[in-house]
Amino acid sequence: MRHTKWLRRWSLVATGAAVALSLAACGSDSSDDSSSGGGGGSKTLVVENSFDLTTADPGQVYEITGGMIAHAMYEPLLGFDGGDLSTPVPVIAKSYELSEDGKTLTLPLRDDVTFSDGTKLTSADVVFSFNRVKNLKGNPSFLLDGVTPSAPDENTVVLTSDKANPGLPYILSNPALGIENSKVVKEHGGTDAADADTTDKAGEWLNANSAGSGPYVLKSFSTTSEVSLEANGDYWGDAPTYSKVVVRNVTADVQKLDVQKGQAQLVLDLAPAQAEGLPSSVEVHSDPTSNTFFLFSNDNPAISETTSNQDFQDALRYGLDYDSLVELAGEGSVRSPGIIPTLFVGALDPSDALATDVDKAKASLAASGYDGEKVELEYPSDLTKNGVSFGTVAQRIQAQLKEIGIDVELVPSPIATSLPNYRDGKEQLGLWLWGADYPDPSDYLAFLPGQTVGLRAGWAAGADPALEALGEQAATTVDNDARGQLYQQIQQQMNVEGPFMPLFQTAQVAVTTSSLSGFEYNPVWTVDFASLK
């Protein structure tokens, strides 16, 4: 076994529309190949994915495809054991200890980790990598907001946060926080200086080369066609089974054909419906993601006197047929009992989910004074996530709410139009999703009054002082059990008095050939190539 008490790669699925090019797939069943590398023989793994790829520079990576590839080349301090996100485990770090006040995270490092050029990984490389991420000011820089890395000695890293940061061990699993060979990156124009966003020149080199300690190195890179990885012949851990990994940019319909023909061993973008009826020569894996669809009713009377009415919001929350919506999302999707995904610390038990109660919904609607006026429901018309179309979900919600007496007018628009409207808090009703930025419940404090998503739903600071105080307490509580209970309490209150109605978590469908084993979906990095056999 390779060094696998650990994990591999991201999520934090930032909401957005991925545009993938449709490319014809070619190749043969690749169990044998003339490529070489590592100690794993000459085997090629072909993976197909609809690319949302922009870079191979770990300091800039923030998309799903890029995170999956970065995870193979750059190892983090901490990760997770397979798909279990409950407890971070050491990877490059030997252990970790969070101070009682939650502000200081101390991580002694392994002394046997080397980069692909044979150089020993030290604490200086960690400090450089983290400062470079922060100072590049790219998409992942916020992960280390308020965090200062230091190196008291060659084999110890200390991360000091401005305020209690109990979610930091979870954040460190993000592929953007994989450790770079500082000497090599500096030689090719990289810098961790405060002005790195304008002076760092290593991005172009890192799109053609790699400088990590992971089981694979970069062989070729294209944001539109394919990425090729080769086993790191000097990897400090156990050599991966596949000496070469080719990740192709292919649309879902082509992926379905290719995996059945054996031209790809792993495909990642089939919708649940597309995976139905596949032959026994392939295996379908369906796992809940952290992508949560939700409905909100704007709490700002200036936007709508109707949607901001508490009784009207109760009519919505009890009038929705949640089971029907989960069924619409497809096999592997699950009901969201609260806004925090079922995979995370602090998630509610499925039994805590609100039940549909049509009589209660109608009574609440009558109490609200609603007199039949149209209420607009906005959503992105051109966005599909894990095979689920926002338009299809919106139509079903419209039909369900009509049954309890609410006249919903659908207002679809391209994401380029709908997203700014949503972010500006101008939608009366909104249908959106939240993909975790990192696998910790603290990411969901954004839904509280006065916070980022709360404001999008017109939920202003001071709207619920007791709930806001609970949020502050949860954010600074270090003990996992205690903070988990606080997050559950927050969601229980939000479910009965907030403007958000969590609907369902979509499913990640992956299909593998019968020749491939070891696949395990992880919401942070999707798949660990080195664990596949």
Protein backbone atom coordinates (compact mmCIF):
# COMPACT_ATOMS: atom_id res chain seq x y z
CA MET A 1 0.00 0.00 0.00
CA ARG A 2 1.16 3.52 -0.74
CA HIS A 3 1.09 6.19 1.96
CA THR A 4 -2.70 6.42 2.04
CA LYS A 5 -3.73 7.29 5.53
CA TRP A 6 -4.85 10.29 3.79
CA LEU A 7 -6.74 11.69 1.05
CA ARG A 8 -7.00 13.74 -2.01
CA ARG A 9 -8.85 16.71 -3.55
CA TRP A 10 -11.47 19.54 -3.59
CA SER A 11 -14.68 21.03 -4.12
CA LEU A 12 -15.61 23.96 -2.81
CA VAL A 13 -17.43 24.01 -5.78
CA ALA A 14 -17.78 27.60 -6.67
CA THR A 15 -21.14 28.24 -8.28
CA GLY A 16 -20.72 29.00 -11.94
CA ALA A 17 -21.35 27.57 -15.38
CA ALA A 18 -18.62 25.39 -16.84
CA VAL A 19 -18.32 25.54 -20.60
CA ALA A 20 -16.75 22.40 -22.01
CA LEU A 21 -15.68 21.75 -25.57
CA SER A 22 -17.03 18.66 -27.26
CA LEU A 23 -14.11 16.61 -28.46
CA ALA A 24 -14.04 13.28 -30.17
CA ALA A 25 -12.45 10.69 -27.93
CA CYS A 26 -9.96 8.30 -29.37
CA GLY A 27 -7.66 5.67 -27.98
CA SER A 28 -7.74 2.08 -26.93
CA ASP A 29 -8.34 0.20 -23.74
CA SER A 30 -5.19 1.26 -22.02
CA SER A 31 -4.21 -1.40 -19.55
CA ASP A 32 -0.94 -1.74 -21.45
CA ASP A 33 1.08 1.13 -22.83
CA SER A 34 4.67 1.85 -23.75
CA SER A 35 4.87 4.84 -21.41
CA SER A 36 7.07 4.42 -18.38
CA GLY A 37 7.47 5.93 -14.97
CA GLY A 38 7.19 5.09 -11.33
CA GLY A 39 7.37 1.52 -10.23
CA GLY A 40 3.89 0.64 -11.40
CA GLY A 41 4.71 -0.92 -14.79
CA SER A 42 3.43 0.54 -18.06
CA LYS A 43 -0.26 1.14 -17.58
CA THR A 44 -2.25 4.13 -18.77
CA LEU A 45 -5.40 5.40 -17.10
CA VAL A 46 -7.82 7.39 -19.27
CA VAL A 47 -10.23 9.70 -17.44
CA GLU A 48 -12.88 11.79 -19.19
CA ASN A 49 -14.33 14.99 -17.78
CA SER A 50 -16.07 18.10 -19.11
CA PHE A 51 -13.31 20.61 -18.38
CA ASP A 52 -13.68 23.71 -16.27
CA LEU A 53 -9.91 23.99 -16.40
CA THR A 54 -7.99 27.28 -16.36
CA THR A 55 -4.54 26.55 -14.93
CA ALA A 56 -2.16 23.93 -13.51
CA ASP A 57 -0.60 26.48 -11.14
CA PRO A 58 -1.59 25.25 -7.67
CA GLY A 59 -1.60 28.78 -6.33
CA GLN A 60 -4.37 29.71 -8.77
CA VAL A 61 -6.39 26.48 -8.99
CA TYR A 62 -10.03 26.78 -7.99
CA GLU A 63 -12.03 24.69 -10.45
CA ILE A 64 -13.00 21.03 -10.17
CA THR A 65 -10.90 19.69 -13.05
CA GLY A 66 -7.88 21.73 -12.05
CA GLY A 67 -8.16 20.67 -8.41
CA MET A 68 -8.32 17.01 -9.39
CA ILE A 69 -5.15 17.35 -11.46
CA ALA A 70 -3.31 19.51 -8.92
CA HIS A 71 -4.09 16.97 -6.22
CA ALA A 72 -2.11 14.35 -8.13
CA MET A 73 0.99 16.57 -8.25
CA TYR A 74 0.96 18.68 -5.07
CA GLU A 75 0.39 17.15 -1.65
CA PRO A 76 -1.31 19.02 1.22
CA LEU A 77 -0.38 19.12 4.87
CA LEU A 78 -3.67 17.47 5.83
CA GLY A 79 -6.34 15.60 3.96
CA PHE A 80 -9.03 12.99 4.49
CA ASP A 81 -9.26 9.23 4.55
CA GLY A 82 -11.03 8.35 1.31
CA GLY A 83 -14.41 10.07 1.13
CA ASP A 84 -14.74 10.57 4.90
CA LEU A 85 -14.75 14.33 5.59
CA SER A 86 -15.39 14.07 9.31
CA THR A 87 -11.77 14.27 10.49
CA PRO A 88 -8.67 15.66 8.74
CA VAL A 89 -5.72 13.25 8.71
CA PRO A 90 -1.98 13.93 8.25
CA VAL A 91 -0.37 13.78 4.81
CA ILE A 92 2.82 15.85 4.73
CA ALA A 93 2.28 16.83 8.34
CA LYS A 94 2.90 14.11 10.93
CA SER A 95 0.19 15.48 13.20
CA TYR A 96 -1.54 18.73 14.06
CA GLU A 97 -2.63 20.55 17.19
CA LEU A 98 -5.03 23.46 17.46
CA SER A 99 -4.63 25.76 20.46
CA GLU A 100 -7.43 26.14 22.98
CA ASP A 101 -8.30 29.58 21.62
CA GLY A 102 -8.46 28.21 18.06
CA LYS A 103 -5.93 30.73 16.76
CA THR A 104 -2.73 28.67 16.49
CA LEU A 105 -2.37 25.48 14.46
CA THR A 106 0.97 23.67 14.90
CA LEU A 107 2.00 21.04 12.36
CA PRO A 108 5.22 19.02 12.66
CA LEU A 109 6.24 17.73 9.23
CA ARG A 110 7.32 14.30 8.07
CA ASP A 111 11.07 14.18 7.46
CA ASP A 112 10.96 11.80 4.49
CA VAL A 113 8.96 13.83 1.94
CA THR A 114 10.81 14.85 -1.20
CA PHE A 115 9.86 16.80 -4.30
CA SER A 116 10.03 15.27 -7.77
CA ASP A 117 13.59 16.57 -8.22
CA GLY A 118 14.74 14.79 -5.04
CA THR A 119 14.84 17.94 -2.88
CA LYS A 120 13.63 17.49 0.68
CA LEU A 121 10.38 19.29 1.52
CA THR A 122 10.81 21.62 4.51
CA SER A 123 8.76 24.15 6.43
CA ALA A 124 10.21 26.92 4.25
CA ASP A 125 8.43 25.40 1.24
CA VAL A 126 5.13 25.44 3.16
CA VAL A 127 5.51 29.08 4.18
CA PHE A 128 6.41 30.05 0.60
CA SER A 129 3.47 28.10 -0.87
CA PHE A 130 0.92 29.59 1.52
CA ASN A 131 2.19 33.15 1.19
CA ARG A 132 2.22 32.78 -2.60
CA VAL A 133 -1.44 31.66 -2.60
CA LYS A 134 -2.40 34.61 -0.40
CA ASN A 135 -0.44 37.20 -2.35
CA LEU A 136 -1.38 36.03 -5.84
CA LYS A 137 -4.85 37.23 -4.83
CA GLY A 138 -6.47 34.65 -7.08
CA ASN A 139 -9.66 32.69 -6.47
CA PRO A 140 -8.26 30.51 -3.64
CA SER A 141 -6.50 33.30 -1.74
CA PHE A 142 -9.45 33.78 0.62
CA LEU A 143 -8.82 30.31 2.07
CA LEU A 144 -5.97 31.81 4.08
CA ASP A 145 -7.55 35.14 4.96
CA GLY A 146 -6.21 36.24 8.33
CA VAL A 147 -3.73 33.32 8.48
CA THR A 148 0.01 33.91 8.90
CA PRO A 149 2.37 30.96 8.28
CA SER A 150 5.72 30.69 10.05
CA ALA A 151 8.51 28.14 10.40
CA PRO A 152 10.11 27.93 13.86
CA ASP A 153 12.37 25.17 12.53
CA GLU A 154 12.92 23.13 9.37
CA ASN A 155 10.33 20.53 10.28
CA THR A 156 7.58 22.56 11.94
CA VAL A 157 4.93 24.89 10.56
CA VAL A 158 2.81 27.21 12.70
CA LEU A 159 -0.31 28.84 11.26
CA THR A 160 -1.56 31.80 13.29
CA SER A 161 -5.06 33.15 12.65
CA ASP A 162 -6.31 36.62 13.52
CA LYS A 163 -9.37 35.05 15.14
CA ALA A 164 -10.44 31.56 16.16
CA ASN A 165 -10.29 29.34 13.09
CA PRO A 166 -11.37 25.78 13.99
CA GLY A 167 -12.13 25.03 10.33
CA LEU A 168 -8.50 25.57 9.26
CA PRO A 169 -7.49 21.86 9.42
CA TYR A 170 -10.31 21.14 6.97
CA ILE A 171 -9.34 24.02 4.70
CA LEU A 172 -5.77 22.72 4.38
CA SER A 173 -6.97 19.81 2.23
CA ASN A 174 -7.75 22.15 -0.66
CA PRO A 175 -5.60 21.39 -3.75
CA ALA A 176 -4.66 25.06 -3.99
CA LEU A 177 -2.82 24.56 -0.71
CA GLY A 178 -0.62 21.75 -2.02
CA ILE A 179 3.03 22.40 -1.26
CA GLU A 180 5.35 23.71 -3.97
CA ASN A 181 9.12 23.33 -4.31
CA SER A 182 9.98 26.92 -3.43
CA LYS A 183 13.47 26.81 -4.90
CA VAL A 184 12.26 25.59 -8.29
CA VAL A 185 9.26 27.93 -8.45
CA LYS A 186 11.46 30.92 -7.58
CA GLU A 187 13.94 29.91 -10.30
CA HIS A 188 11.08 30.19 -12.80
CA GLY A 189 9.79 33.58 -11.74
CA GLY A 190 7.67 32.71 -8.73
CA THR A 191 7.46 34.88 -5.63
CA ASP A 192 5.53 34.95 -2.37
CA ALA A 193 6.01 38.70 -1.92
CA ALA A 194 3.11 40.99 -1.08
CA ASP A 195 2.98 42.15 -4.72
CA ALA A 196 2.97 38.61 -6.16
CA ASP A 197 -0.27 39.36 -8.01
CA THR A 198 1.71 41.65 -10.34
CA THR A 199 5.28 40.30 -10.08
CA ASP A 200 4.92 36.50 -10.04
CA LYS A 201 5.85 35.03 -13.43
CA ALA A 202 5.82 31.30 -12.64
CA GLY A 203 2.30 30.58 -13.91
CA GLU A 204 3.32 29.91 -17.49
CA TRP A 205 6.10 27.53 -16.42
CA LEU A 206 3.76 25.71 -14.01
CA ASN A 207 1.32 25.16 -16.88
CA ALA A 208 4.00 23.07 -18.60
CA ASN A 209 5.87 21.61 -15.62
CA SER A 210 5.22 20.65 -12.01
CA ALA A 211 7.09 21.27 -8.78
CA GLY A 212 5.35 19.13 -6.19
CA SER A 213 5.89 16.06 -4.05
CA GLY A 214 2.93 14.05 -5.36
CA PRO A 215 2.85 10.68 -7.12
CA TYR A 216 2.52 12.32 -10.57
CA VAL A 217 4.26 15.02 -12.57
CA LEU A 218 2.91 17.07 -15.44
CA LYS A 219 3.70 15.82 -18.94
CA SER A 220 1.41 18.00 -21.10
CA PHE A 221 -1.34 20.51 -20.43
CA SER A 222 -4.21 22.00 -22.42
CA THR A 223 -7.26 23.75 -21.02
CA THR A 224 -9.34 22.62 -24.01
CA SER A 225 -8.25 19.11 -25.00
CA GLU A 226 -6.33 16.94 -22.52
CA VAL A 227 -3.85 16.83 -19.68
CA SER A 228 -1.23 14.11 -19.40
CA LEU A 229 0.43 13.08 -16.14
CA GLU A 230 3.35 10.71 -15.67
CA ALA A 231 4.28 8.80 -12.54
CA ASN A 232 6.89 10.54 -10.41
CA GLY A 233 9.82 8.12 -10.60
CA ASP A 234 11.28 9.56 -7.39
CA TYR A 235 8.04 9.59 -5.41
CA TRP A 236 8.73 9.24 -1.69
CA GLY A 237 5.68 7.03 -1.16
CA ASP A 238 4.47 3.85 -2.85
CA ALA A 239 4.42 4.00 -6.63
CA PRO A 240 0.95 4.34 -8.20
CA THR A 241 -0.42 1.48 -10.29
CA TYR A 242 -0.83 3.62 -13.40
CA SER A 243 2.36 5.04 -14.83
CA LYS A 244 0.44 7.50 -17.00
CA VAL A 245 -2.86 9.33 -16.57
CA VAL A 246 -4.60 11.06 -19.47
CA VAL A 247 -7.51 13.35 -18.60
CA ARG A 248 -9.60 14.25 -21.66
CA ASN A 249 -12.10 17.04 -22.19
CA VAL A 250 -15.18 15.21 -23.48
CA THR A 251 -18.91 15.88 -23.29
CA ALA A 252 -21.11 13.57 -21.24
CA ASP A 253 -22.77 11.85 -24.20
CA VAL A 254 -19.37 10.88 -25.64
CA GLN A 255 -18.15 9.81 -22.19
CA LYS A 256 -21.03 7.34 -21.98
CA LEU A 257 -20.01 5.72 -25.26
CA ASP A 258 -16.29 5.68 -24.46
CA VAL A 259 -16.57 3.95 -21.09
CA GLN A 260 -18.72 1.22 -22.64
CA LYS A 261 -16.15 0.71 -25.42
CA GLY A 262 -13.26 0.63 -22.93
CA GLN A 263 -11.73 3.75 -24.47
CA ALA A 264 -11.87 5.37 -21.03
CA GLN A 265 -11.75 3.62 -17.67
CA LEU A 266 -13.35 6.45 -15.69
CA VAL A 267 -15.89 9.08 -16.75
CA LEU A 268 -17.19 11.77 -14.41
CA ASP A 269 -19.99 13.78 -15.95
CA LEU A 270 -22.97 11.55 -16.68
CA ALA A 271 -26.31 12.71 -15.33
CA PRO A 272 -28.18 10.14 -13.21
CA ALA A 273 -30.58 9.48 -16.08
CA GLN A 274 -27.69 8.87 -18.51
CA ALA A 275 -26.26 6.23 -16.19
CA GLU A 276 -29.44 4.19 -16.21
CA GLY A 277 -29.38 0.96 -18.20
CA LEU A 278 -25.63 0.76 -18.67
CA PRO A 279 -24.29 -2.78 -19.27
CA SER A 280 -22.77 -4.95 -16.55
CA SER A 281 -19.32 -4.39 -18.07
CA VAL A 282 -19.21 -1.04 -16.26
CA GLU A 283 -19.88 0.01 -12.67
CA VAL A 284 -21.93 3.10 -11.76
CA HIS A 285 -20.94 5.02 -8.63
CA SER A 286 -23.44 7.56 -7.31
CA ASP A 287 -22.55 9.67 -4.29
CA PRO A 288 -24.07 12.82 -2.78
CA THR A 289 -22.04 15.94 -3.46
CA SER A 290 -21.81 19.07 -1.35
CA ASN A 291 -23.80 20.94 -4.03
CA THR A 292 -27.00 22.01 -2.31
CA PHE A 293 -29.96 23.43 -4.26
CA PHE A 294 -32.03 25.88 -2.23
CA LEU A 295 -34.97 28.23 -2.62
CA PHE A 296 -35.10 31.59 -0.86
CA SER A 297 -37.83 34.13 -0.21
CA ASN A 298 -36.43 37.66 -0.07
CA ASP A 299 -36.69 39.03 3.47
CA ASN A 300 -36.36 42.68 2.42
CA PRO A 301 -39.76 44.48 2.31
CA ALA A 302 -38.30 46.95 -0.18
CA ILE A 303 -37.95 44.09 -2.66
CA SER A 304 -41.28 42.46 -1.84
CA GLU A 305 -43.81 42.95 0.93
CA THR A 306 -45.11 39.49 0.08
CA THR A 307 -41.93 37.41 0.16
CA SER A 308 -40.62 39.14 3.30
CA ASN A 309 -43.72 38.12 5.25
CA GLN A 310 -42.90 35.35 7.77
CA ASP A 311 -46.23 33.58 7.22
CA PHE A 312 -45.68 33.59 3.46
CA GLN A 313 -42.24 32.05 4.00
CA ASP A 314 -43.85 29.38 6.18
CA ALA A 315 -46.30 28.65 3.37
CA LEU A 316 -43.37 28.04 1.05
CA ARG A 317 -41.39 25.83 3.43
CA TYR A 318 -44.38 23.59 4.27
CA GLY A 319 -45.92 23.64 0.79
CA LEU A 320 -42.94 22.20 -1.08
CA ASP A 321 -42.97 18.50 -1.92
CA TYR A 322 -39.34 17.78 -1.08
CA ASP A 323 -39.47 14.07 -1.93
CA SER A 324 -40.67 14.92 -5.42
CA LEU A 325 -37.78 17.37 -5.88
CA VAL A 326 -35.22 14.78 -4.74
CA GLU A 327 -36.73 12.31 -7.21
CA LEU A 328 -36.37 14.93 -9.94
CA ALA A 329 -32.68 15.34 -9.08
CA GLY A 330 -32.11 11.66 -9.82
CA GLU A 331 -30.55 8.55 -8.36
CA GLY A 332 -27.99 9.22 -5.64
CA SER A 333 -29.34 12.67 -4.76
CA VAL A 334 -30.50 13.17 -1.17
CA ARG A 335 -32.81 15.49 0.73
CA SER A 336 -31.04 18.38 2.46
CA PRO A 337 -32.33 18.46 6.05
CA GLY A 338 -30.44 21.72 6.55
CA ILE A 339 -28.18 24.03 4.60
CA ILE A 340 -25.02 22.16 5.68
CA PRO A 341 -24.40 19.07 3.51
CA THR A 342 -24.90 15.64 5.05
CA LEU A 343 -21.17 14.95 4.52
CA PHE A 344 -19.95 17.61 6.95
CA VAL A 345 -19.54 18.05 10.68
CA GLY A 346 -22.69 19.71 12.04
CA ALA A 347 -25.05 18.27 9.42
CA LEU A 348 -28.58 17.55 10.57
CA ASP A 349 -29.92 14.04 10.71
CA PRO A 350 -32.38 13.26 7.87
CA SER A 351 -35.07 12.90 10.53
CA ASP A 352 -34.64 16.62 11.32
CA ALA A 353 -35.86 17.67 7.88
CA LEU A 354 -39.13 19.58 7.74
CA ALA A 355 -42.03 17.51 6.47
CA THR A 356 -44.40 18.71 3.77
CA ASP A 357 -47.64 19.86 5.39
CA VAL A 358 -50.12 21.22 2.86
CA ASP A 359 -52.75 22.15 5.44
CA LYS A 360 -50.21 24.13 7.47
CA ALA A 361 -48.94 25.77 4.28
CA LYS A 362 -52.44 26.91 3.28
CA ALA A 363 -53.14 28.21 6.79
CA SER A 364 -49.87 30.17 6.80
CA LEU A 365 -50.66 31.58 3.36
CA ALA A 366 -54.05 32.79 4.59
CA ALA A 367 -52.45 34.35 7.66
CA SER A 368 -49.96 36.21 5.44
CA GLY A 369 -52.70 38.22 3.72
CA TYR A 370 -51.54 37.03 0.31
CA ASP A 371 -54.22 37.93 -2.24
CA GLY A 372 -53.05 36.06 -5.33
CA GLU A 373 -50.50 38.49 -6.80
CA LYS A 374 -47.73 37.04 -8.96
CA VAL A 375 -44.42 36.41 -7.25
CA GLU A 376 -41.34 36.19 -9.44
CA LEU A 377 -38.95 33.22 -9.17
CA GLU A 378 -35.58 33.91 -10.77
CA TYR A 379 -32.97 31.29 -11.67
CA PRO A 380 -30.09 30.75 -14.12
CA SER A 381 -31.58 29.32 -17.31
CA ASP A 382 -28.29 28.09 -18.77
CA LEU A 383 -26.89 26.32 -15.71
CA THR A 384 -27.00 22.57 -15.10
CA LYS A 385 -25.26 20.93 -12.15
CA ASN A 386 -24.62 17.19 -11.90
CA GLY A 387 -27.19 16.71 -14.65
CA VAL A 388 -29.87 18.76 -12.84
CA SER A 389 -31.35 21.69 -14.76
CA PHE A 390 -32.44 24.74 -12.77
CA GLY A 391 -35.29 25.25 -15.21
CA THR A 392 -36.72 21.80 -14.57
CA VAL A 393 -36.56 22.28 -10.80
CA ALA A 394 -38.14 25.75 -11.06
CA GLN A 395 -41.06 24.40 -13.09
CA ARG A 396 -41.79 21.74 -10.49
CA ILE A 397 -41.62 24.28 -7.65
CA GLN A 398 -44.02 26.52 -9.59
CA ALA A 399 -46.49 23.64 -9.94
CA GLN A 400 -46.22 22.65 -6.27
CA LEU A 401 -46.79 26.17 -5.00
CA LYS A 402 -49.76 26.64 -7.33
CA GLU A 403 -51.42 23.75 -5.51
CA ILE A 404 -51.39 25.69 -2.24
CA GLY A 405 -52.54 28.92 -3.93
CA ILE A 406 -49.32 30.81 -4.77
CA ASP A 407 -49.03 32.23 -8.29
CA VAL A 408 -45.33 31.95 -9.20
CA GLU A 409 -44.05 33.59 -12.37
CA LEU A 410 -40.82 32.00 -13.64
CA VAL A 411 -38.15 34.52 -14.64
CA PRO A 412 -35.29 32.60 -16.24
CA SER A 413 -32.22 34.41 -17.52
CA PRO A 414 -28.63 33.53 -18.48
CA ILE A 415 -26.28 33.30 -15.53
CA ALA A 416 -24.49 36.43 -16.74
CA THR A 417 -27.72 38.30 -15.97
CA SER A 418 -29.19 36.34 -13.09
CA LEU A 419 -26.01 36.06 -11.00
CA PRO A 420 -25.53 39.84 -10.53
CA ASN A 421 -29.23 40.19 -9.67
CA TYR A 422 -28.89 37.42 -7.09
CA ARG A 423 -25.71 38.86 -5.60
CA ASP A 424 -27.31 42.31 -5.36
CA GLY A 425 -30.24 40.91 -3.36
CA LYS A 426 -32.86 41.94 -5.94
CA GLU A 427 -34.71 38.66 -6.49
CA GLN A 428 -38.15 38.11 -4.91
CA LEU A 429 -37.75 34.34 -4.96
CA GLY A 430 -34.46 32.77 -6.02
CA LEU A 431 -33.43 29.23 -6.92
CA TRP A 432 -29.68 28.68 -6.53
CA LEU A 433 -27.10 26.26 -5.25
CA TRP A 434 -24.16 26.49 -2.90
CA GLY A 435 -21.09 24.37 -3.43
CA ALA A 436 -18.78 24.25 -0.43
CA ASP A 437 -15.65 26.38 -0.64
CA TYR A 438 -14.10 23.97 1.85
CA PRO A 439 -15.44 20.95 3.77
CA ASP A 440 -16.28 22.62 7.05
CA PRO A 441 -19.58 23.99 8.40
CA SER A 442 -18.04 27.39 9.04
CA ASP A 443 -18.40 28.00 5.28
CA TYR A 444 -22.19 28.05 5.82
CA LEU A 445 -22.17 30.95 8.26
CA ALA A 446 -22.47 32.95 5.04
CA PHE A 447 -26.21 32.17 5.15
CA LEU A 448 -26.81 34.04 8.42
CA PRO A 449 -28.30 37.55 8.63
CA GLY A 450 -25.90 40.21 7.42
CA GLN A 451 -23.54 37.69 5.83
CA THR A 452 -22.83 37.13 2.12
CA VAL A 453 -25.69 34.79 1.19
CA GLY A 454 -28.00 36.11 3.90
CA LEU A 455 -27.83 39.56 2.30
CA ARG A 456 -28.61 38.06 -1.10
CA ALA A 457 -31.89 36.92 0.44
CA GLY A 458 -32.46 40.34 2.03
CA TRP A 459 -31.70 39.00 5.50
CA ALA A 460 -30.03 41.98 7.11
CA ALA A 461 -27.80 42.06 10.17
CA GLY A 462 -29.93 42.39 13.28
CA ALA A 463 -32.83 40.45 11.75
CA ASP A 464 -32.33 37.61 14.24
CA PRO A 465 -29.92 38.57 17.07
CA ALA A 466 -30.20 35.20 18.82
CA LEU A 467 -29.30 33.29 15.66
CA GLU A 468 -26.46 35.68 14.87
CA ALA A 469 -25.06 35.16 18.37
CA LEU A 470 -25.18 31.41 17.84
CA GLY A 471 -23.22 31.90 14.62
CA GLU A 472 -20.51 33.87 16.41
CA GLN A 473 -20.30 31.16 19.05
CA ALA A 474 -20.03 28.38 16.47
CA ALA A 475 -17.32 30.24 14.56
CA THR A 476 -15.07 30.39 17.62
CA THR A 477 -15.79 27.00 19.24
CA VAL A 478 -12.86 24.60 18.86
CA ASP A 479 -14.24 21.31 20.17
CA ASN A 480 -15.69 19.40 17.20
CA ASP A 481 -18.60 17.85 19.09
CA ALA A 482 -19.58 21.14 20.66
CA ARG A 483 -19.40 23.13 17.46
CA GLY A 484 -21.23 20.39 15.57
CA GLN A 485 -24.12 20.74 18.01
CA LEU A 486 -24.09 24.52 17.58
CA TYR A 487 -24.28 24.24 13.80
CA GLN A 488 -27.18 21.82 14.14
CA GLN A 489 -28.97 24.27 16.41
CA ILE A 490 -28.38 27.07 13.90
CA GLN A 491 -29.92 25.02 11.09
CA GLN A 492 -32.90 23.93 13.18
CA GLN A 493 -33.69 27.58 13.84
CA MET A 494 -33.10 28.57 10.23
CA ASN A 495 -35.45 25.84 9.03
CA VAL A 496 -38.40 27.34 10.89
CA GLU A 497 -37.69 31.07 10.82
CA GLY A 498 -35.23 31.84 8.02
CA PRO A 499 -35.86 32.77 4.37
CA PHE A 500 -33.99 29.71 3.02
CA MET A 501 -35.52 26.36 2.07
CA PRO A 502 -32.78 23.72 1.50
CA LEU A 503 -33.98 21.28 -1.16
CA PHE A 504 -31.52 18.54 -2.09
CA GLN A 505 -27.89 17.63 -2.65
CA THR A 506 -27.10 16.50 -6.17
CA ALA A 507 -25.29 13.25 -6.91
CA GLN A 508 -21.86 12.83 -8.42
CA VAL A 509 -22.17 10.01 -10.94
CA ALA A 510 -18.97 8.30 -11.98
CA VAL A 511 -18.74 5.25 -14.23
CA THR A 512 -15.77 2.89 -14.26
CA THR A 513 -14.89 -0.11 -16.36
CA SER A 514 -14.83 -3.50 -14.66
CA SER A 515 -11.02 -3.52 -14.97
CA LEU A 516 -10.68 -0.51 -12.64
CA SER A 517 -10.88 -0.73 -8.85
CA GLY A 518 -10.26 1.58 -5.92
CA PHE A 519 -12.50 4.45 -7.02
CA GLU A 520 -13.88 6.54 -4.17
CA TYR A 521 -15.46 9.92 -4.72
CA ASN A 522 -14.22 12.76 -2.55
CA PRO A 523 -16.00 16.15 -2.69
CA VAL A 524 -12.72 18.00 -2.16
CA TRP A 525 -10.58 16.55 -4.97
CA THR A 526 -13.10 14.33 -6.82
CA VAL A 527 -10.77 11.37 -7.40
CA ASP A 528 -7.30 10.30 -6.28
CA PHE A 529 -5.63 8.84 -9.37
CA ALA A 530 -2.93 7.18 -7.28
CA SER A 531 -5.48 5.10 -5.35
CA LEU A 532 -6.87 3.51 -8.51
CA LYS A 533 -5.83 -0.02 -9.39
